[in-house]
Amino acid sequence: GLCISRSARTVTKDGSPLDLTAKEFDLLWLLMENRG
């Protein structure tokens, strides 16, 4: 249910938006991009 959009810089969980700071977003993208 977690979706992160790099172009829109948005994160949703089960369809609901999450309020992330810019650094939190960049950190989550980097981690998910290198999953595992």
PDB file of all heavy atoms in Angstrom:
ATOM      1  N   GLY A   1       0.788  -1.228   0.000  1.00  0.00           N
ATOM      2  CA  GLY A   1       0.000   0.000   0.000  1.00  0.00           C
ATOM      3  C   GLY A   1       0.814   1.269   0.000  1.00  0.00           C
ATOM      4  O   GLY A   1       0.262   2.369  -0.014  1.00  0.00           O
ATOM      5  N   LEU A   2       2.155   1.141   0.008  1.00  0.00           N
ATOM      6  CA  LEU A   2       3.022   2.318   0.039  1.00  0.00           C
ATOM      7  C   LEU A   2       3.458   2.666  -1.381  1.00  0.00           C
ATOM      8  O   LEU A   2       3.941   1.814  -2.126  1.00  0.00           O
ATOM      9  CB  LEU A   2       4.252   2.043   0.900  1.00  0.00           C
ATOM     10  CG  LEU A   2       5.164   3.231   1.215  1.00  0.00           C
ATOM     11  CD1 LEU A   2       4.441   4.250   2.091  1.00  0.00           C
ATOM     12  CD2 LEU A   2       6.436   2.749   1.900  1.00  0.00           C
ATOM     13  N   CYS A   3       3.276   3.936  -1.772  1.00  0.00           N
ATOM     14  CA  CYS A   3       3.650   4.384  -3.117  1.00  0.00           C
ATOM     15  C   CYS A   3       4.350   5.722  -3.013  1.00  0.00           C
ATOM     16  O   CYS A   3       3.847   6.652  -2.381  1.00  0.00           O
ATOM     17  CB  CYS A   3       2.414   4.503  -4.000  1.00  0.00           C
ATOM     18  SG  CYS A   3       2.778   5.089  -5.681  1.00  0.00           S
ATOM     19  N   ILE A   4       5.515   5.820  -3.647  1.00  0.00           N
ATOM     20  CA  ILE A   4       6.276   7.066  -3.641  1.00  0.00           C
ATOM     21  C   ILE A   4       6.501   7.495  -5.086  1.00  0.00           C
ATOM     22  O   ILE A   4       6.965   6.712  -5.917  1.00  0.00           O
ATOM     23  CB  ILE A   4       7.609   6.903  -2.871  1.00  0.00           C
ATOM     24  CG1 ILE A   4       8.418   8.210  -2.904  1.00  0.00           C
ATOM     25  CG2 ILE A   4       8.424   5.744  -3.394  1.00  0.00           C
ATOM     26  CD1 ILE A   4       9.617   8.187  -1.948  1.00  0.00           C
ATOM     27  N   SER A   5       6.135   8.733  -5.402  1.00  0.00           N
ATOM     28  CA  SER A   5       6.278   9.278  -6.744  1.00  0.00           C
ATOM     29  C   SER A   5       7.409  10.291  -6.756  1.00  0.00           C
ATOM     30  O   SER A   5       7.352  11.299  -6.050  1.00  0.00           O
ATOM     31  CB  SER A   5       4.971   9.950  -7.194  1.00  0.00           C
ATOM     32  OG  SER A   5       5.177  10.689  -8.385  1.00  0.00           O
ATOM     33  N   ARG A   6       8.417  10.018  -7.574  1.00  0.00           N
ATOM     34  CA  ARG A   6       9.568  10.911  -7.626  1.00  0.00           C
ATOM     35  C   ARG A   6       9.222  12.216  -8.326  1.00  0.00           C
ATOM     36  O   ARG A   6       9.659  13.286  -7.909  1.00  0.00           O
ATOM     37  CB  ARG A   6      10.722  10.223  -8.350  1.00  0.00           C
ATOM     38  CG  ARG A   6      12.040  10.971  -8.227  1.00  0.00           C
ATOM     39  CD  ARG A   6      13.182  10.128  -8.756  1.00  0.00           C
ATOM     40  NE  ARG A   6      14.472  10.655  -8.368  1.00  0.00           N
ATOM     41  CZ  ARG A   6      15.619  10.016  -8.581  1.00  0.00           C
ATOM     42  NH1 ARG A   6      15.612   8.833  -9.163  1.00  0.00           N
ATOM     43  NH2 ARG A   6      16.758  10.547  -8.200  1.00  0.00           N
ATOM     44  N   SER A   7       8.427  12.140  -9.417  1.00  0.00           N
ATOM     45  CA  SER A   7       8.106  13.346 -10.180  1.00  0.00           C
ATOM     46  C   SER A   7       7.192  14.275  -9.396  1.00  0.00           C
ATOM     47  O   SER A   7       7.369  15.490  -9.383  1.00  0.00           O
ATOM     48  CB  SER A   7       7.463  12.975 -11.518  1.00  0.00           C
ATOM     49  OG  SER A   7       6.316  12.175 -11.317  1.00  0.00           O
ATOM     50  N   ALA A   8       6.205  13.704  -8.707  1.00  0.00           N
ATOM     51  CA  ALA A   8       5.274  14.528  -7.931  1.00  0.00           C
ATOM     52  C   ALA A   8       5.775  14.791  -6.518  1.00  0.00           C
ATOM     53  O   ALA A   8       5.235  15.656  -5.820  1.00  0.00           O
ATOM     54  CB  ALA A   8       3.902  13.863  -7.865  1.00  0.00           C
ATOM     55  N   ARG A   9       6.800  14.035  -6.101  1.00  0.00           N
ATOM     56  CA  ARG A   9       7.340  14.111  -4.733  1.00  0.00           C
ATOM     57  C   ARG A   9       6.228  13.955  -3.716  1.00  0.00           C
ATOM     58  O   ARG A   9       6.055  14.763  -2.789  1.00  0.00           O
ATOM     59  CB  ARG A   9       8.117  15.420  -4.511  1.00  0.00           C
ATOM     60  CG  ARG A   9       9.437  15.449  -5.261  1.00  0.00           C
ATOM     61  CD  ARG A   9      10.326  16.618  -4.851  1.00  0.00           C
ATOM     62  NE  ARG A   9      10.815  16.487  -3.471  1.00  0.00           N
ATOM     63  CZ  ARG A   9      11.907  15.785  -3.131  1.00  0.00           C
ATOM     64  NH1 ARG A   9      12.595  15.130  -4.036  1.00  0.00           N
ATOM     65  NH2 ARG A   9      12.295  15.756  -1.860  1.00  0.00           N
ATOM     66  N   THR A  10       5.468  12.870  -3.893  1.00  0.00           N
ATOM     67  CA  THR A  10       4.395  12.538  -2.970  1.00  0.00           C
ATOM     68  C   THR A  10       4.560  11.101  -2.506  1.00  0.00           C
ATOM     69  O   THR A  10       5.126  10.263  -3.215  1.00  0.00           O
ATOM     70  CB  THR A  10       3.014  12.702  -3.620  1.00  0.00           C
ATOM     71  OG1 THR A  10       2.946  11.869  -4.798  1.00  0.00           O
ATOM     72  CG2 THR A  10       2.756  14.153  -4.010  1.00  0.00           C
ATOM     73  N   VAL A  11       4.042  10.831  -1.316  1.00  0.00           N
ATOM     74  CA  VAL A  11       4.029   9.480  -0.772  1.00  0.00           C
ATOM     75  C   VAL A  11       2.631   9.196  -0.245  1.00  0.00           C
ATOM     76  O   VAL A  11       2.056  10.031   0.458  1.00  0.00           O
ATOM     77  CB  VAL A  11       5.057   9.310   0.371  1.00  0.00           C
ATOM     78  CG1 VAL A  11       5.046   7.873   0.890  1.00  0.00           C
ATOM     79  CG2 VAL A  11       6.454   9.694  -0.097  1.00  0.00           C
ATOM     80  N   THR A  12       2.093   8.040  -0.613  1.00  0.00           N
ATOM     81  CA  THR A  12       0.795   7.636  -0.089  1.00  0.00           C
ATOM     82  C   THR A  12       0.919   6.265   0.565  1.00  0.00           C
ATOM     83  O   THR A  12       1.736   5.433   0.162  1.00  0.00           O
ATOM     84  CB  THR A  12      -0.269   7.579  -1.192  1.00  0.00           C
ATOM     85  OG1 THR A  12       0.159   6.653  -2.215  1.00  0.00           O
ATOM     86  CG2 THR A  12      -0.499   8.951  -1.812  1.00  0.00           C
ATOM     87  N   LYS A  13       0.092   6.057   1.579  1.00  0.00           N
ATOM     88  CA  LYS A  13       0.025   4.766   2.258  1.00  0.00           C
ATOM     89  C   LYS A  13      -1.431   4.346   2.293  1.00  0.00           C
ATOM     90  O   LYS A  13      -2.268   5.047   2.862  1.00  0.00           O
ATOM     91  CB  LYS A  13       0.589   4.878   3.679  1.00  0.00           C
ATOM     92  CG  LYS A  13       0.597   3.550   4.436  1.00  0.00           C
ATOM     93  CD  LYS A  13       1.172   3.716   5.836  1.00  0.00           C
ATOM     94  CE  LYS A  13       1.172   2.399   6.588  1.00  0.00           C
ATOM     95  NZ  LYS A  13       1.683   2.557   7.972  1.00  0.00           N
ATOM     96  N   ASP A  14      -1.730   3.236   1.625  1.00  0.00           N
ATOM     97  CA  ASP A  14      -3.106   2.749   1.506  1.00  0.00           C
ATOM     98  C   ASP A  14      -4.022   3.833   0.942  1.00  0.00           C
ATOM     99  O   ASP A  14      -5.176   3.982   1.361  1.00  0.00           O
ATOM    100  CB  ASP A  14      -3.627   2.261   2.856  1.00  0.00           C
ATOM    101  CG  ASP A  14      -2.798   1.106   3.412  1.00  0.00           C
ATOM    102  OD1 ASP A  14      -2.311   0.307   2.598  1.00  0.00           O
ATOM    103  OD2 ASP A  14      -2.625   1.033   4.636  1.00  0.00           O
ATOM    104  N   GLY A  15      -3.488   4.611  -0.001  1.00  0.00           N
ATOM    105  CA  GLY A  15      -4.275   5.634  -0.672  1.00  0.00           C
ATOM    106  C   GLY A  15      -4.314   6.981   0.016  1.00  0.00           C
ATOM    107  O   GLY A  15      -4.783   7.958  -0.564  1.00  0.00           O
ATOM    108  N   SER A  16      -3.805   7.059   1.242  1.00  0.00           N
ATOM    109  CA  SER A  16      -3.820   8.321   1.984  1.00  0.00           C
ATOM    110  C   SER A  16      -2.437   8.971   1.928  1.00  0.00           C
ATOM    111  O   SER A  16      -1.425   8.283   2.078  1.00  0.00           O
ATOM    112  CB  SER A  16      -4.205   8.084   3.446  1.00  0.00           C
ATOM    113  OG  SER A  16      -5.505   7.532   3.536  1.00  0.00           O
ATOM    114  N   PRO A  17      -2.383  10.287   1.707  1.00  0.00           N
ATOM    115  CA  PRO A  17      -1.079  10.961   1.609  1.00  0.00           C
ATOM    116  C   PRO A  17      -0.348  10.999   2.936  1.00  0.00           C
ATOM    117  O   PRO A  17      -0.964  11.142   4.001  1.00  0.00           O
ATOM    118  CB  PRO A  17      -1.458  12.375   1.145  1.00  0.00           C
ATOM    119  CG  PRO A  17      -2.877  12.557   1.566  1.00  0.00           C
ATOM    120  CD  PRO A  17      -3.513  11.205   1.495  1.00  0.00           C
ATOM    121  N   LEU A  18       0.973  10.858   2.873  1.00  0.00           N
ATOM    122  CA  LEU A  18       1.824  10.983   4.053  1.00  0.00           C
ATOM    123  C   LEU A  18       2.549  12.319   3.989  1.00  0.00           C
ATOM    124  O   LEU A  18       3.005  12.739   2.929  1.00  0.00           O
ATOM    125  CB  LEU A  18       2.844   9.846   4.103  1.00  0.00           C
ATOM    126  CG  LEU A  18       2.327   8.434   4.338  1.00  0.00           C
ATOM    127  CD1 LEU A  18       3.488   7.453   4.379  1.00  0.00           C
ATOM    128  CD2 LEU A  18       1.517   8.349   5.622  1.00  0.00           C
ATOM    129  N   ASP A  19       2.676  12.960   5.111  1.00  0.00           N
ATOM    130  CA  ASP A  19       3.346  14.262   5.190  1.00  0.00           C
ATOM    131  C   ASP A  19       4.815  14.035   5.537  1.00  0.00           C
ATOM    132  O   ASP A  19       5.165  13.855   6.705  1.00  0.00           O
ATOM    133  CB  ASP A  19       2.661  15.137   6.240  1.00  0.00           C
ATOM    134  CG  ASP A  19       3.255  16.545   6.286  1.00  0.00           C
ATOM    135  OD1 ASP A  19       3.952  16.908   5.321  1.00  0.00           O
ATOM    136  OD2 ASP A  19       3.030  17.257   7.282  1.00  0.00           O
ATOM    137  N   LEU A  20       5.668  14.020   4.517  1.00  0.00           N
ATOM    138  CA  LEU A  20       7.097  13.817   4.701  1.00  0.00           C
ATOM    139  C   LEU A  20       7.852  15.108   4.421  1.00  0.00           C
ATOM    140  O   LEU A  20       7.479  15.872   3.531  1.00  0.00           O
ATOM    141  CB  LEU A  20       7.620  12.724   3.762  1.00  0.00           C
ATOM    142  CG  LEU A  20       7.655  11.285   4.284  1.00  0.00           C
ATOM    143  CD1 LEU A  20       6.251  10.807   4.634  1.00  0.00           C
ATOM    144  CD2 LEU A  20       8.299  10.366   3.258  1.00  0.00           C
ATOM    145  N   THR A  21       8.916  15.329   5.180  1.00  0.00           N
ATOM    146  CA  THR A  21       9.804  16.450   4.875  1.00  0.00           C
ATOM    147  C   THR A  21      10.618  16.103   3.627  1.00  0.00           C
ATOM    148  O   THR A  21      10.640  14.952   3.177  1.00  0.00           O
ATOM    149  CB  THR A  21      10.755  16.726   6.033  1.00  0.00           C
ATOM    150  OG1 THR A  21      11.655  15.607   6.183  1.00  0.00           O
ATOM    151  CG2 THR A  21       9.996  16.936   7.343  1.00  0.00           C
ATOM    152  N   ALA A  22      11.314  17.086   3.076  1.00  0.00           N
ATOM    153  CA  ALA A  22      12.120  16.855   1.877  1.00  0.00           C
ATOM    154  C   ALA A  22      13.194  15.798   2.127  1.00  0.00           C
ATOM    155  O   ALA A  22      13.435  14.922   1.284  1.00  0.00           O
ATOM    156  CB  ALA A  22      12.755  18.165   1.419  1.00  0.00           C
ATOM    157  N   LYS A  23      13.845  15.858   3.289  1.00  0.00           N
ATOM    158  CA  LYS A  23      14.898  14.892   3.596  1.00  0.00           C
ATOM    159  C   LYS A  23      14.313  13.501   3.818  1.00  0.00           C
ATOM    160  O   LYS A  23      14.904  12.495   3.408  1.00  0.00           O
ATOM    161  CB  LYS A  23      15.680  15.333   4.833  1.00  0.00           C
ATOM    162  CG  LYS A  23      16.460  16.634   4.651  1.00  0.00           C
ATOM    163  CD  LYS A  23      17.461  16.553   3.528  1.00  0.00           C
ATOM    164  CE  LYS A  23      18.332  17.820   3.463  1.00  0.00           C
ATOM    165  NZ  LYS A  23      19.193  17.835   2.265  1.00  0.00           N
ATOM    166  N   GLU A  24      13.155  13.424   4.471  1.00  0.00           N
ATOM    167  CA  GLU A  24      12.507  12.129   4.664  1.00  0.00           C
ATOM    168  C   GLU A  24      12.149  11.508   3.322  1.00  0.00           C
ATOM    169  O   GLU A  24      12.331  10.307   3.109  1.00  0.00           O
ATOM    170  CB  GLU A  24      11.254  12.293   5.520  1.00  0.00           C
ATOM    171  CG  GLU A  24      11.535  12.583   6.978  1.00  0.00           C
ATOM    172  CD  GLU A  24      10.284  12.953   7.753  1.00  0.00           C
ATOM    173  OE1 GLU A  24       9.214  13.174   7.129  1.00  0.00           O
ATOM    174  OE2 GLU A  24      10.365  13.022   8.991  1.00  0.00           O
ATOM    175  N   PHE A  25      11.646  12.334   2.404  1.00  0.00           N
ATOM    176  CA  PHE A  25      11.294  11.829   1.080  1.00  0.00           C
ATOM    177  C   PHE A  25      12.529  11.286   0.372  1.00  0.00           C
ATOM    178  O   PHE A  25      12.513  10.171  -0.165  1.00  0.00           O
ATOM    179  CB  PHE A  25      10.658  12.935   0.237  1.00  0.00           C
ATOM    180  CG  PHE A  25      10.289  12.490  -1.156  1.00  0.00           C
ATOM    181  CD1 PHE A  25       9.016  12.021  -1.425  1.00  0.00           C
ATOM    182  CD2 PHE A  25      11.223  12.528  -2.190  1.00  0.00           C
ATOM    183  CE1 PHE A  25       8.680  11.587  -2.705  1.00  0.00           C
ATOM    184  CE2 PHE A  25      10.896  12.093  -3.465  1.00  0.00           C
ATOM    185  CZ  PHE A  25       9.619  11.627  -3.718  1.00  0.00           C
ATOM    186  N   ASP A  26      13.610  12.068   0.346  1.00  0.00           N
ATOM    187  CA  ASP A  26      14.829  11.642  -0.344  1.00  0.00           C
ATOM    188  C   ASP A  26      15.400  10.363   0.262  1.00  0.00           C
ATOM    189  O   ASP A  26      15.881   9.477  -0.456  1.00  0.00           O
ATOM    190  CB  ASP A  26      15.880  12.752  -0.288  1.00  0.00           C
ATOM    191  CG  ASP A  26      15.482  13.978  -1.098  1.00  0.00           C
ATOM    192  OD1 ASP A  26      14.621  13.858  -1.989  1.00  0.00           O
ATOM    193  OD2 ASP A  26      16.027  15.066  -0.822  1.00  0.00           O
ATOM    194  N   LEU A  27      15.330  10.266   1.569  1.00  0.00           N
ATOM    195  CA  LEU A  27      15.846   9.092   2.260  1.00  0.00           C
ATOM    196  C   LEU A  27      15.003   7.860   1.938  1.00  0.00           C
ATOM    197  O   LEU A  27      15.544   6.782   1.641  1.00  0.00           O
ATOM    198  CB  LEU A  27      15.870   9.353   3.767  1.00  0.00           C
ATOM    199  CG  LEU A  27      16.449   8.265   4.672  1.00  0.00           C
ATOM    200  CD1 LEU A  27      17.878   7.934   4.255  1.00  0.00           C
ATOM    201  CD2 LEU A  27      16.408   8.722   6.123  1.00  0.00           C
ATOM    202  N   LEU A  28      13.680   8.021   1.957  1.00  0.00           N
ATOM    203  CA  LEU A  28      12.795   6.887   1.651  1.00  0.00           C
ATOM    204  C   LEU A  28      12.982   6.441   0.204  1.00  0.00           C
ATOM    205  O   LEU A  28      13.034   5.240  -0.077  1.00  0.00           O
ATOM    206  CB  LEU A  28      11.340   7.277   1.908  1.00  0.00           C
ATOM    207  CG  LEU A  28      10.305   6.184   1.622  1.00  0.00           C
ATOM    208  CD1 LEU A  28      10.556   4.953   2.490  1.00  0.00           C
ATOM    209  CD2 LEU A  28       8.887   6.719   1.843  1.00  0.00           C
ATOM    210  N   TRP A  29      13.082   7.401  -0.726  1.00  0.00           N
ATOM    211  CA  TRP A  29      13.285   7.025  -2.126  1.00  0.00           C
ATOM    212  C   TRP A  29      14.576   6.232  -2.291  1.00  0.00           C
ATOM    213  O   TRP A  29      14.613   5.203  -2.985  1.00  0.00           O
ATOM    214  CB  TRP A  29      13.307   8.269  -3.022  1.00  0.00           C
ATOM    215  CG  TRP A  29      13.573   7.908  -4.457  1.00  0.00           C
ATOM    216  CD1 TRP A  29      14.780   7.777  -5.071  1.00  0.00           C
ATOM    217  CD2 TRP A  29      12.596   7.567  -5.450  1.00  0.00           C
ATOM    218  NE1 TRP A  29      14.615   7.394  -6.382  1.00  0.00           N
ATOM    219  CE2 TRP A  29      13.296   7.254  -6.632  1.00  0.00           C
ATOM    220  CE3 TRP A  29      11.199   7.515  -5.436  1.00  0.00           C
ATOM    221  CZ2 TRP A  29      12.632   6.878  -7.804  1.00  0.00           C
ATOM    222  CZ3 TRP A  29      10.543   7.147  -6.611  1.00  0.00           C
ATOM    223  CH2 TRP A  29      11.257   6.836  -7.764  1.00  0.00           C
ATOM    224  N   LEU A  30      15.641   6.694  -1.680  1.00  0.00           N
ATOM    225  CA  LEU A  30      16.933   6.034  -1.804  1.00  0.00           C
ATOM    226  C   LEU A  30      16.881   4.612  -1.249  1.00  0.00           C
ATOM    227  O   LEU A  30      17.407   3.669  -1.851  1.00  0.00           O
ATOM    228  CB  LEU A  30      18.000   6.858  -1.074  1.00  0.00           C
ATOM    229  CG  LEU A  30      19.457   6.425  -1.235  1.00  0.00           C
ATOM    230  CD1 LEU A  30      19.867   6.419  -2.707  1.00  0.00           C
ATOM    231  CD2 LEU A  30      20.364   7.356  -0.429  1.00  0.00           C
ATOM    232  N   LEU A  31      16.221   4.447  -0.121  1.00  0.00           N
ATOM    233  CA  LEU A  31      16.109   3.118   0.485  1.00  0.00           C
ATOM    234  C   LEU A  31      15.264   2.186  -0.383  1.00  0.00           C
ATOM    235  O   LEU A  31      15.636   1.032  -0.627  1.00  0.00           O
ATOM    236  CB  LEU A  31      15.514   3.230   1.887  1.00  0.00           C
ATOM    237  CG  LEU A  31      16.443   3.808   2.961  1.00  0.00           C
ATOM    238  CD1 LEU A  31      15.649   4.232   4.181  1.00  0.00           C
ATOM    239  CD2 LEU A  31      17.508   2.783   3.349  1.00  0.00           C
ATOM    240  N   MET A  32      14.103   2.680  -0.846  1.00  0.00           N
ATOM    241  CA  MET A  32      13.218   1.835  -1.651  1.00  0.00           C
ATOM    242  C   MET A  32      13.818   1.522  -3.013  1.00  0.00           C
ATOM    243  O   MET A  32      13.628   0.430  -3.550  1.00  0.00           O
ATOM    244  CB  MET A  32      11.851   2.504  -1.816  1.00  0.00           C
ATOM    245  CG  MET A  32      11.038   2.538  -0.535  1.00  0.00           C
ATOM    246  SD  MET A  32       9.366   3.227  -0.778  1.00  0.00           S
ATOM    247  CE  MET A  32       8.590   1.939  -1.787  1.00  0.00           C
ATOM    248  N   GLU A  33      14.554   2.479  -3.580  1.00  0.00           N
ATOM    249  CA  GLU A  33      15.198   2.261  -4.871  1.00  0.00           C
ATOM    250  C   GLU A  33      16.248   1.163  -4.788  1.00  0.00           C
ATOM    251  O   GLU A  33      16.528   0.472  -5.781  1.00  0.00           O
ATOM    252  CB  GLU A  33      15.826   3.569  -5.352  1.00  0.00           C
ATOM    253  CG  GLU A  33      16.337   3.531  -6.777  1.00  0.00           C
ATOM    254  CD  GLU A  33      16.909   4.874  -7.206  1.00  0.00           C
ATOM    255  OE1 GLU A  33      17.512   5.567  -6.352  1.00  0.00           O
ATOM    256  OE2 GLU A  33      16.764   5.232  -8.379  1.00  0.00           O
ATOM    257  N   ASN A  34      16.835   0.991  -3.618  1.00  0.00           N
ATOM    258  CA  ASN A  34      17.864  -0.034  -3.394  1.00  0.00           C
ATOM    259  C   ASN A  34      17.337  -1.149  -2.507  1.00  0.00           C
ATOM    260  O   ASN A  34      18.074  -1.705  -1.690  1.00  0.00           O
ATOM    261  CB  ASN A  34      19.104   0.605  -2.769  1.00  0.00           C
ATOM    262  CG  ASN A  34      19.827   1.529  -3.718  1.00  0.00           C
ATOM    263  OD1 ASN A  34      20.623   1.097  -4.522  1.00  0.00           O
ATOM    264  ND2 ASN A  34      19.521   2.825  -3.623  1.00  0.00           N
ATOM    265  N   ARG A  35      16.085  -1.483  -2.691  1.00  0.00           N
ATOM    266  CA  ARG A  35      15.427  -2.482  -1.840  1.00  0.00           C
ATOM    267  C   ARG A  35      16.238  -3.783  -1.773  1.00  0.00           C
ATOM    268  O   ARG A  35      16.694  -4.308  -2.784  1.00  0.00           O
ATOM    269  CB  ARG A  35      14.029  -2.780  -2.395  1.00  0.00           C
ATOM    270  CG  ARG A  35      13.215  -3.719  -1.529  1.00  0.00           C
ATOM    271  CD  ARG A  35      11.803  -3.828  -2.033  1.00  0.00           C
ATOM    272  NE  ARG A  35      10.994  -4.633  -1.138  1.00  0.00           N
ATOM    273  CZ  ARG A  35       9.679  -4.789  -1.264  1.00  0.00           C
ATOM    274  NH1 ARG A  35       9.031  -4.176  -2.245  1.00  0.00           N
ATOM    275  NH2 ARG A  35       9.011  -5.540  -0.412  1.00  0.00           N
ATOM    276  N   GLY A  36      16.426  -4.263  -0.541  1.00  0.00           N
ATOM    277  CA  GLY A  36      17.157  -5.499  -0.331  1.00  0.00           C
ATOM    278  C   GLY A  36      18.652  -5.315  -0.153  1.00  0.00           C
ATOM    279  O   GLY A  36      19.348  -6.261   0.217  1.00  0.00           O
TER     280      GLY A  36
END
